[in-house]
């Protein structure tokens, strides 16, 4: 990272601190709430699939959990990383008043999203081979691979949706993605009801019906978002319909940041997929339980990602002005907001544990695996959210590779081996997976906070 040539802010004082904290908090909430709801909506799609399939059959739940928690989520997270940089660069161009550059950003990423999805679809196709190599039961591997091949067909639509969402959030218009996501969730619930259970004369397809619904809904999301950007009169001043006219090398900085994010996010996803593999080694009940645990923690984690996107914008604006004090304040305000939201979310989940579990399964053997470790699950969720938030803080400073290096190292050298040891040789089962996750995430929070302090260290005003 190139050091920022900070300018001194001579206005720092108690009045400045109150005014700027209030401003940052207000802007974070304004930017974050639609972004949070969009990301919760994205996660809710998968959570509904798991819940409806889980109530259909525990075996089907195990198959779709393996397919989703390994390959499909890995590819989605990889794409999220690649195109998360669209938010930072669009916000920077829009803040500078370079509206035509905003349009060029979307146009150049349109084909990039589609051919990236095509490559990932090819990689996904031998899914059964991957599962067998990873030691999964042959029956589970065959069923999960069929589901993965169906769901990956929707990946182009998903990446088109996410890239366009980042573009609109960079323009300060996050509400559009939320509206599209609401429609997508309604369609998803209805199609699942038809195809999983065979209602209104449709065939009863179980997890396969959910997989086809997933693919259809992803395309609805992608085409709906792209259609809005292409047709909306408010987008025309950005030159959306004009060729971007840029060489591959002209936008290497965006890809550099996106590549760093993609490596970091995908390594984290690979690590969590490894934990799903471990659960599969233990048994069908354990992988079903782990799939539900991931869904329970998903909504608060999506909130942290939404806050992180807003924090990246606020830090980017302050750093663009070379205002050290305001950049520092933006980071800590985002951290405090994220911590508050996670504690609130954890409390709600804890109070509604029984009701939430009833949504996913009526299998008492699965429920018994989850309830005794619920507090541990929620603590791990909170710490994971904070380390993700700190990664967004650093990326808002365009510190592309540091959070990737920290997170990747901890996932590979702490979380994966520790979770394996605790879950299998030490026989802690699913609880061991959670303890391994918690340990690595806590270390990630500490190291990334120290990195942020180090970046802001020179002549930082006392605020």
Protein backbone atom coordinates (compact mmCIF):
# COMPACT_ATOMS: atom_id res chain seq x y z
CA UNK A 1 0.00 0.00 0.00
CA UNK A 2 1.26 3.48 -0.90
CA UNK A 3 1.31 5.61 2.29
CA UNK A 4 -1.21 8.45 2.32
CA UNK A 5 0.29 11.93 2.48
CA UNK A 6 -2.02 13.06 5.28
CA UNK A 7 -2.95 16.70 5.73
CA UNK A 8 -3.20 18.09 9.23
CA UNK A 9 -6.68 18.83 10.54
CA UNK A 10 -6.47 21.85 12.83
CA UNK A 11 -10.19 21.79 13.67
CA UNK A 12 -10.03 18.72 15.89
CA UNK A 13 -11.67 19.25 19.26
CA UNK A 14 -14.64 18.16 21.35
CA UNK A 15 -17.11 20.02 19.17
CA UNK A 16 -15.57 18.55 16.04
CA UNK A 17 -15.65 15.08 17.60
CA UNK A 18 -19.36 15.33 18.45
CA UNK A 19 -20.29 16.74 15.07
CA UNK A 20 -18.23 14.28 13.02
CA UNK A 21 -19.27 11.24 15.10
CA UNK A 22 -22.90 12.18 14.60
CA UNK A 23 -22.30 12.71 10.88
CA UNK A 24 -20.47 9.41 10.43
CA UNK A 25 -23.10 7.49 12.39
CA UNK A 26 -25.93 9.07 10.43
CA UNK A 27 -24.27 8.40 7.08
CA UNK A 28 -23.32 4.87 8.08
CA UNK A 29 -26.91 4.09 9.00
CA UNK A 30 -28.24 5.75 5.83
CA UNK A 31 -25.82 3.85 3.60
CA UNK A 32 -25.74 0.64 5.59
CA UNK A 33 -29.42 -0.07 6.21
CA UNK A 34 -30.44 -0.74 2.58
CA UNK A 35 -27.11 -2.51 2.03
CA UNK A 36 -27.71 -4.62 5.14
CA UNK A 37 -31.22 -5.50 4.03
CA UNK A 38 -29.95 -6.43 0.56
CA UNK A 39 -27.30 -8.73 2.00
CA UNK A 40 -29.73 -10.21 4.49
CA UNK A 41 -32.05 -10.79 1.55
CA UNK A 42 -29.24 -12.57 -0.30
CA UNK A 43 -28.65 -14.80 2.69
CA UNK A 44 -32.37 -15.24 3.32
CA UNK A 45 -32.64 -16.88 -0.10
CA UNK A 46 -30.33 -19.65 1.02
CA UNK A 47 -31.78 -19.78 4.53
CA UNK A 48 -35.28 -20.34 3.13
CA UNK A 49 -33.95 -23.12 0.90
CA UNK A 50 -32.33 -24.85 3.88
CA UNK A 51 -35.41 -24.41 6.05
CA UNK A 52 -37.87 -25.70 3.46
CA UNK A 53 -35.66 -28.61 2.43
CA UNK A 54 -34.91 -29.40 6.09
CA UNK A 55 -38.60 -29.71 6.81
CA UNK A 56 -38.93 -32.00 3.80
CA UNK A 57 -36.15 -34.47 4.67
CA UNK A 58 -32.99 -34.59 6.80
CA UNK A 59 -31.18 -36.54 4.05
CA UNK A 60 -32.08 -33.91 1.46
CA UNK A 61 -30.93 -31.23 3.90
CA UNK A 62 -27.53 -32.94 4.19
CA UNK A 63 -27.17 -33.10 0.39
CA UNK A 64 -28.05 -29.47 -0.24
CA UNK A 65 -25.98 -28.31 2.75
CA UNK A 66 -22.90 -30.05 1.35
CA UNK A 67 -23.43 -28.62 -2.15
CA UNK A 68 -24.18 -25.12 -0.89
CA UNK A 69 -21.67 -24.80 1.93
CA UNK A 70 -18.81 -26.01 -0.25
CA UNK A 71 -18.84 -25.33 -3.99
CA UNK A 72 -21.74 -22.94 -4.51
CA UNK A 73 -20.98 -20.62 -1.61
CA UNK A 74 -17.28 -20.74 -2.50
CA UNK A 75 -17.97 -19.58 -6.07
CA UNK A 76 -20.40 -16.90 -4.92
CA UNK A 77 -17.94 -15.56 -2.36
CA UNK A 78 -15.15 -15.58 -4.94
CA UNK A 79 -17.34 -13.48 -7.23
CA UNK A 80 -18.29 -11.17 -4.36
CA UNK A 81 -14.61 -10.54 -3.75
CA UNK A 82 -13.81 -9.87 -7.40
CA UNK A 83 -16.59 -7.32 -7.80
CA UNK A 84 -16.55 -5.72 -4.33
CA UNK A 85 -13.95 -3.27 -5.70
CA UNK A 86 -16.66 -1.88 -8.00
CA UNK A 87 -18.13 -0.16 -4.91
CA UNK A 88 -14.87 1.58 -3.95
CA UNK A 89 -14.00 2.77 -7.45
CA UNK A 90 -17.55 3.88 -8.30
CA UNK A 91 -17.80 5.86 -5.05
CA UNK A 92 -14.44 7.49 -5.74
CA UNK A 93 -15.39 8.48 -9.29
CA UNK A 94 -18.83 9.70 -8.24
CA UNK A 95 -17.39 11.73 -5.36
CA UNK A 96 -14.96 13.36 -7.78
CA UNK A 97 -17.83 14.26 -10.12
CA UNK A 98 -16.49 11.98 -12.88
CA UNK A 99 -19.86 10.58 -13.88
CA UNK A 100 -18.79 9.12 -17.22
CA UNK A 101 -16.13 7.09 -15.42
CA UNK A 102 -18.93 5.63 -13.28
CA UNK A 103 -20.67 4.41 -16.42
CA UNK A 104 -17.44 2.97 -17.77
CA UNK A 105 -16.96 1.01 -14.55
CA UNK A 106 -20.31 -0.75 -14.97
CA UNK A 107 -19.88 -1.40 -18.70
CA UNK A 108 -16.41 -2.92 -18.37
CA UNK A 109 -17.52 -5.17 -15.51
CA UNK A 110 -20.58 -6.46 -17.36
CA UNK A 111 -18.71 -8.89 -19.64
CA UNK A 112 -16.15 -9.50 -16.89
CA UNK A 113 -18.91 -10.85 -14.62
CA UNK A 114 -20.38 -13.11 -17.30
CA UNK A 115 -17.18 -14.76 -18.48
CA UNK A 116 -15.94 -15.13 -14.91
CA UNK A 117 -19.15 -17.02 -14.13
CA UNK A 118 -18.64 -19.18 -17.21
CA UNK A 119 -15.18 -20.25 -16.04
CA UNK A 120 -16.48 -21.10 -12.57
CA UNK A 121 -19.33 -23.15 -14.05
CA UNK A 122 -16.81 -25.31 -15.94
CA UNK A 123 -14.74 -25.77 -12.78
CA UNK A 124 -17.84 -26.84 -10.83
CA UNK A 125 -19.01 -29.52 -13.25
CA UNK A 126 -16.93 -32.49 -11.90
CA UNK A 127 -18.42 -31.83 -8.43
CA UNK A 128 -18.88 -35.51 -7.56
CA UNK A 129 -15.17 -36.16 -8.05
CA UNK A 130 -14.34 -33.35 -5.63
CA UNK A 131 -16.68 -34.70 -2.96
CA UNK A 132 -15.34 -38.26 -3.30
CA UNK A 133 -11.75 -37.04 -3.04
CA UNK A 134 -12.77 -35.22 0.15
CA UNK A 135 -13.99 -38.47 1.66
CA UNK A 136 -17.75 -37.99 1.47
CA UNK A 137 -20.15 -40.92 1.41
CA UNK A 138 -20.68 -41.95 -2.25
CA UNK A 139 -24.46 -41.55 -2.05
CA UNK A 140 -24.19 -38.10 -0.47
CA UNK A 141 -21.49 -37.12 -2.97
CA UNK A 142 -23.64 -38.14 -5.95
CA UNK A 143 -26.74 -36.33 -4.72
CA UNK A 144 -24.85 -33.18 -3.67
CA UNK A 145 -22.99 -33.00 -6.98
CA UNK A 146 -26.25 -33.12 -8.96
CA UNK A 147 -27.55 -30.21 -6.88
CA UNK A 148 -24.32 -28.23 -7.30
CA UNK A 149 -24.43 -28.58 -11.09
CA UNK A 150 -27.99 -27.27 -11.15
CA UNK A 151 -27.30 -24.32 -8.85
CA UNK A 152 -24.12 -23.22 -10.61
CA UNK A 153 -26.20 -22.49 -13.72
CA UNK A 154 -27.54 -19.48 -11.84
CA UNK A 155 -24.06 -18.09 -11.09
CA UNK A 156 -23.97 -15.64 -14.05
CA UNK A 157 -27.20 -14.08 -12.83
CA UNK A 158 -25.87 -13.83 -9.30
CA UNK A 159 -22.62 -12.12 -10.31
CA UNK A 160 -24.51 -9.74 -12.60
CA UNK A 161 -26.77 -8.84 -9.68
CA UNK A 162 -23.95 -8.37 -7.19
CA UNK A 163 -21.75 -6.31 -9.52
CA UNK A 164 -24.70 -4.03 -10.33
CA UNK A 165 -25.57 -3.74 -6.64
CA UNK A 166 -22.01 -2.60 -5.85
CA UNK A 167 -22.25 -0.07 -8.67
CA UNK A 168 -25.49 1.44 -7.38
CA UNK A 169 -24.25 1.48 -3.77
CA UNK A 170 -21.18 3.37 -4.98
CA UNK A 171 -23.57 5.95 -6.42
CA UNK A 172 -25.28 6.21 -3.03
CA UNK A 173 -28.39 4.37 -4.30
CA UNK A 174 -28.53 1.12 -2.31
CA UNK A 175 -32.33 0.95 -2.20
CA UNK A 176 -32.67 -0.49 -5.72
CA UNK A 177 -30.86 -3.69 -4.79
CA UNK A 178 -33.08 -4.08 -1.75
CA UNK A 179 -36.26 -3.81 -3.87
CA UNK A 180 -34.99 -6.41 -6.34
CA UNK A 181 -34.05 -8.67 -3.42
CA UNK A 182 -37.54 -8.43 -1.90
CA UNK A 183 -39.06 -9.55 -5.20
CA UNK A 184 -36.50 -12.35 -5.51
CA UNK A 185 -37.32 -13.67 -2.04
CA UNK A 186 -41.03 -13.77 -2.74
CA UNK A 187 -40.44 -15.65 -6.00
CA UNK A 188 -38.03 -18.01 -4.20
CA UNK A 189 -40.54 -18.94 -1.48
CA UNK A 190 -43.31 -19.56 -4.01
CA UNK A 191 -41.22 -21.67 -6.39
CA UNK A 192 -39.79 -23.69 -3.49
CA UNK A 193 -43.32 -24.36 -2.27
CA UNK A 194 -44.23 -25.63 -5.71
CA UNK A 195 -41.15 -27.70 -6.51
CA UNK A 196 -39.94 -29.06 -3.17
CA UNK A 197 -43.31 -30.32 -1.98
CA UNK A 198 -45.10 -30.80 -5.32
CA UNK A 199 -47.97 -28.38 -4.78
CA UNK A 200 -50.52 -27.29 -7.43
CA UNK A 201 -49.78 -30.33 -9.57
CA UNK A 202 -46.03 -29.74 -9.86
CA UNK A 203 -43.68 -32.71 -9.35
CA UNK A 204 -42.39 -33.33 -5.82
CA UNK A 205 -38.64 -32.82 -6.28
CA UNK A 206 -37.28 -32.19 -2.77
CA UNK A 207 -33.79 -30.67 -2.78
CA UNK A 208 -33.65 -30.83 -6.58
CA UNK A 209 -36.66 -28.52 -6.78
CA UNK A 210 -34.92 -26.08 -4.45
CA UNK A 211 -31.80 -26.17 -6.64
CA UNK A 212 -33.78 -25.30 -9.78
CA UNK A 213 -35.53 -22.53 -7.88
CA UNK A 214 -32.16 -21.13 -6.83
CA UNK A 215 -30.99 -20.96 -10.45
CA UNK A 216 -34.19 -19.31 -11.69
CA UNK A 217 -34.22 -16.71 -8.92
CA UNK A 218 -30.54 -15.77 -9.48
CA UNK A 219 -31.34 -14.96 -13.09
CA UNK A 220 -34.38 -12.91 -12.05
CA UNK A 221 -32.11 -10.90 -9.74
CA UNK A 222 -29.38 -10.34 -12.29
CA UNK A 223 -31.60 -9.41 -15.21
CA UNK A 224 -33.79 -7.22 -13.03
CA UNK A 225 -30.84 -5.19 -11.76
CA UNK A 226 -29.13 -4.90 -15.13
CA UNK A 227 -32.43 -3.94 -16.73
CA UNK A 228 -32.93 -1.13 -14.25
CA UNK A 229 -29.45 0.30 -14.83
CA UNK A 230 -29.83 0.06 -18.61
CA UNK A 231 -33.32 1.63 -18.78
CA UNK A 232 -33.50 4.11 -15.90
CA UNK A 233 -33.40 7.75 -17.12
CA UNK A 234 -31.29 8.69 -14.10
CA UNK A 235 -28.51 6.41 -15.37
CA UNK A 236 -28.20 8.05 -18.81
CA UNK A 237 -25.91 10.94 -17.71
CA UNK A 238 -23.40 8.25 -16.71
CA UNK A 239 -23.05 7.02 -20.29
CA UNK A 240 -24.27 3.55 -19.38
CA UNK A 241 -25.06 2.62 -22.97
CA UNK A 242 -21.76 3.88 -24.40
CA UNK A 243 -18.79 1.52 -24.96
CA UNK A 244 -16.32 1.87 -22.11
CA UNK A 245 -13.39 2.19 -24.54
CA UNK A 246 -10.82 1.06 -21.99
CA UNK A 247 -7.95 -1.37 -22.37
CA UNK A 248 -7.48 -4.23 -19.93
CA UNK A 249 -4.50 -2.42 -18.41
CA UNK A 250 -6.52 0.79 -17.87
CA UNK A 251 -8.41 -0.66 -14.93
CA UNK A 252 -5.81 -2.92 -13.37
CA UNK A 253 -6.12 -1.09 -10.03
CA UNK A 254 -9.75 -2.18 -9.67
CA UNK A 255 -8.84 -5.77 -10.49
CA UNK A 256 -5.89 -5.68 -8.09
CA UNK A 257 -8.17 -4.71 -5.21
CA UNK A 258 -10.85 -7.14 -6.38
CA UNK A 259 -8.35 -9.97 -6.71
CA UNK A 260 -7.07 -9.36 -3.19
CA UNK A 261 -10.63 -9.35 -1.85
CA UNK A 262 -11.47 -12.48 -3.84
CA UNK A 263 -8.48 -14.36 -2.46
CA UNK A 264 -9.34 -13.31 1.09
CA UNK A 265 -13.04 -14.10 0.83
CA UNK A 266 -12.58 -17.37 -1.03
CA UNK A 267 -9.89 -18.61 1.35
CA UNK A 268 -12.27 -17.89 4.23
CA UNK A 269 -15.06 -19.69 2.40
CA UNK A 270 -12.76 -22.61 1.63
CA UNK A 271 -11.89 -22.78 5.31
CA UNK A 272 -15.56 -22.89 6.31
CA UNK A 273 -16.19 -25.43 3.54
CA UNK A 274 -13.47 -27.55 5.12
CA UNK A 275 -15.40 -27.43 8.37
CA UNK A 276 -18.49 -28.65 6.50
CA UNK A 277 -16.37 -31.48 5.11
CA UNK A 278 -15.28 -32.36 8.67
CA UNK A 279 -18.92 -32.39 9.74
CA UNK A 280 -19.65 -34.76 6.85
CA UNK A 281 -16.88 -37.07 8.07
CA UNK A 282 -18.54 -37.24 11.47
CA UNK A 283 -22.01 -38.05 10.17
CA UNK A 284 -25.20 -36.99 8.37
CA UNK A 285 -26.72 -35.47 11.51
CA UNK A 286 -23.61 -33.39 12.13
CA UNK A 287 -23.47 -31.91 8.63
CA UNK A 288 -27.20 -31.12 8.81
CA UNK A 289 -26.62 -29.42 12.18
CA UNK A 290 -23.62 -27.48 10.88
CA UNK A 291 -25.65 -26.32 7.88
CA UNK A 292 -28.33 -24.95 10.22
CA UNK A 293 -25.69 -23.26 12.41
CA UNK A 294 -24.32 -21.47 9.36
CA UNK A 295 -27.81 -20.23 8.53
CA UNK A 296 -28.49 -19.00 12.06
CA UNK A 297 -25.32 -16.93 12.09
CA UNK A 298 -25.72 -15.75 8.54
CA UNK A 299 -28.16 -12.88 9.03
CA UNK A 300 -26.03 -11.00 11.60
CA UNK A 301 -22.94 -11.63 9.47
CA UNK A 302 -24.70 -10.15 6.44
CA UNK A 303 -25.44 -7.10 8.58
CA UNK A 304 -21.74 -6.75 9.33
CA UNK A 305 -20.92 -6.96 5.62
CA UNK A 306 -23.46 -4.22 4.91
CA UNK A 307 -21.94 -2.03 7.61
CA UNK A 308 -18.50 -2.83 6.21
CA UNK A 309 -19.53 -1.61 2.76
CA UNK A 310 -20.76 1.66 4.26
CA UNK A 311 -17.58 2.02 6.34
CA UNK A 312 -15.46 1.52 3.23
CA UNK A 313 -17.28 4.40 1.55
CA UNK A 314 -16.94 6.72 4.59
CA UNK A 315 -13.26 5.88 5.03
CA UNK A 316 -12.64 6.28 1.31
CA UNK A 317 -14.18 9.76 1.36
CA UNK A 318 -12.20 10.86 4.40
CA UNK A 319 -8.96 9.35 3.13
CA UNK A 320 -9.58 10.96 -0.26
CA UNK A 321 -9.51 14.33 1.55
CA UNK A 322 -6.33 13.12 3.34
CA UNK A 323 -8.06 13.87 6.65
CA UNK A 324 -6.40 11.51 9.13
CA UNK A 325 -8.58 12.31 12.12
CA UNK A 326 -11.81 11.87 10.19
CA UNK A 327 -10.56 8.60 8.66
CA UNK A 328 -9.69 7.26 12.09
CA UNK A 329 -13.06 8.32 13.48
CA UNK A 330 -14.92 6.71 10.56
CA UNK A 331 -13.22 3.40 11.28
CA UNK A 332 -13.95 3.36 15.00
CA UNK A 333 -17.53 4.52 14.51
CA UNK A 334 -18.10 1.63 12.11
CA UNK A 335 -16.55 -0.82 14.57
CA UNK A 336 -18.80 0.40 17.40
CA UNK A 337 -21.91 0.22 15.21
CA UNK A 338 -21.04 -3.31 14.09
CA UNK A 339 -20.43 -4.47 17.68
CA UNK A 340 -23.77 -3.02 18.78
CA UNK A 341 -25.63 -4.69 15.90
CA UNK A 342 -23.98 -8.05 16.57
CA UNK A 343 -24.83 -7.99 20.28
CA UNK A 344 -28.42 -7.04 19.44
CA UNK A 345 -28.67 -9.79 16.82
CA UNK A 346 -27.14 -12.40 19.11
CA UNK A 347 -29.59 -11.53 21.87
CA UNK A 348 -32.57 -11.89 19.54
CA UNK A 349 -31.35 -15.25 18.21
CA UNK A 350 -30.73 -16.52 21.75
CA UNK A 351 -34.25 -15.59 22.86
CA UNK A 352 -35.82 -17.19 19.78
CA UNK A 353 -33.58 -20.27 19.51
CA UNK A 354 -36.36 -22.84 19.74
CA UNK A 355 -38.60 -21.04 17.27
CA UNK A 356 -35.75 -20.57 14.79
CA UNK A 357 -34.70 -24.20 14.96
CA UNK A 358 -38.30 -25.25 14.35
CA UNK A 359 -38.10 -23.39 11.03
CA UNK A 360 -35.25 -25.59 9.84
CA UNK A 361 -36.00 -29.07 11.15
CA UNK A 362 -38.19 -31.19 13.40
CA UNK A 363 -35.47 -33.81 13.79
CA UNK A 364 -34.78 -33.87 17.54
CA UNK A 365 -31.39 -35.51 17.04
CA UNK A 366 -30.21 -32.52 15.01
CA UNK A 367 -31.65 -30.01 17.49
CA UNK A 368 -29.89 -31.72 20.40
CA UNK A 369 -26.54 -31.12 18.69
CA UNK A 370 -27.17 -27.36 18.42
CA UNK A 371 -28.96 -26.14 21.56
CA UNK A 372 -26.22 -26.88 24.15
CA UNK A 373 -23.63 -24.83 22.22
CA UNK A 374 -25.85 -21.91 21.20
CA UNK A 375 -24.00 -19.29 23.28
CA UNK A 376 -20.69 -20.45 21.82
CA UNK A 377 -22.13 -20.22 18.30
CA UNK A 378 -23.32 -16.64 18.88
CA UNK A 379 -20.00 -15.56 20.39
CA UNK A 380 -18.17 -16.97 17.37
CA UNK A 381 -20.61 -15.18 15.07
CA UNK A 382 -19.98 -11.83 16.80
CA UNK A 383 -16.19 -12.11 16.63
CA UNK A 384 -16.33 -13.24 13.00
CA UNK A 385 -18.43 -10.18 12.15
CA UNK A 386 -15.92 -7.85 13.79
CA UNK A 387 -12.97 -9.33 11.92
CA UNK A 388 -14.89 -8.97 8.65
CA UNK A 389 -15.64 -5.34 9.55
CA UNK A 390 -11.96 -4.61 10.19
CA UNK A 391 -11.13 -6.12 6.81
CA UNK A 392 -13.56 -3.63 5.23
CA UNK A 393 -11.93 -0.79 7.18
CA UNK A 394 -8.52 -1.67 5.78
CA UNK A 395 -9.86 -2.15 2.25
CA UNK A 396 -11.50 1.26 2.48
CA UNK A 397 -7.94 2.57 2.77
CA UNK A 398 -7.11 0.48 -0.35
CA UNK A 399 -4.88 -1.69 1.82
CA UNK A 400 -5.64 -4.53 -0.55
CA UNK A 401 -3.46 -7.45 0.47
CA UNK A 402 -2.89 -7.08 4.20
CA UNK A 403 -6.34 -8.28 5.38
CA UNK A 404 -6.13 -11.06 2.81
CA UNK A 405 -2.76 -12.20 4.16
CA UNK A 406 -3.88 -12.05 7.81
CA UNK A 407 -7.16 -13.84 7.28
CA UNK A 408 -5.78 -16.48 4.93
CA UNK A 409 -2.92 -17.31 7.28
CA UNK A 410 -5.21 -17.68 10.28
CA UNK A 411 -7.77 -19.79 8.43
CA UNK A 412 -5.16 -22.21 7.10
CA UNK A 413 -2.79 -22.40 10.04
CA UNK A 414 -5.17 -21.96 12.98
CA UNK A 415 -8.84 -22.55 12.16
CA UNK A 416 -8.64 -25.57 9.86
CA UNK A 417 -6.17 -27.68 11.92
CA UNK A 418 -7.56 -26.63 15.30
CA UNK A 419 -11.18 -27.32 14.27
CA UNK A 420 -10.18 -30.73 12.90
CA UNK A 421 -8.28 -31.64 16.07
CA UNK A 422 -11.05 -30.55 18.43
CA UNK A 423 -13.93 -31.97 16.38
CA UNK A 424 -12.51 -35.39 15.46
CA UNK A 425 -9.47 -36.61 17.47
CA UNK A 426 -10.58 -34.72 20.60
CA UNK A 427 -14.20 -35.81 19.90
CA UNK A 428 -15.88 -32.45 20.55
CA UNK A 429 -17.91 -32.84 17.37
CA UNK A 430 -19.70 -29.73 16.08
CA UNK A 431 -18.64 -27.76 19.17
CA UNK A 432 -15.00 -28.30 18.17
CA UNK A 433 -15.69 -26.73 14.78
CA UNK A 434 -17.10 -23.64 16.48
CA UNK A 435 -14.20 -23.29 18.95
CA UNK A 436 -11.69 -23.50 16.09
CA UNK A 437 -13.58 -20.77 14.23
CA UNK A 438 -13.82 -18.54 17.29
CA UNK A 439 -10.10 -18.77 18.02
CA UNK A 440 -9.01 -17.81 14.50
CA UNK A 441 -11.54 -14.97 14.23
CA UNK A 442 -10.46 -13.45 17.54
CA UNK A 443 -6.84 -13.45 16.42
CA UNK A 444 -7.89 -11.82 13.12
CA UNK A 445 -9.72 -9.00 14.93
CA UNK A 446 -6.68 -8.21 17.07
CA UNK A 447 -4.16 -8.24 14.22
CA UNK A 448 -6.31 -6.10 11.90
CA UNK A 449 -6.97 -3.53 14.63
CA UNK A 450 -3.23 -3.26 15.17
CA UNK A 451 -2.76 -2.80 11.41
CA UNK A 452 -5.34 0.00 11.32
CA UNK A 453 -3.65 1.76 14.24
CA UNK A 454 -0.28 1.39 12.53
CA UNK A 455 -1.56 2.91 9.28
CA UNK A 456 -2.96 5.88 11.18
CA UNK A 457 0.00 6.26 13.55
CA UNK A 458 1.88 9.32 12.25
CA UNK A 459 0.88 12.48 14.09
CA UNK A 460 -2.61 11.14 14.72
CA UNK A 461 -4.63 13.85 16.47
CA UNK A 462 -5.72 13.09 20.03
CA UNK A 463 -9.48 12.73 19.73
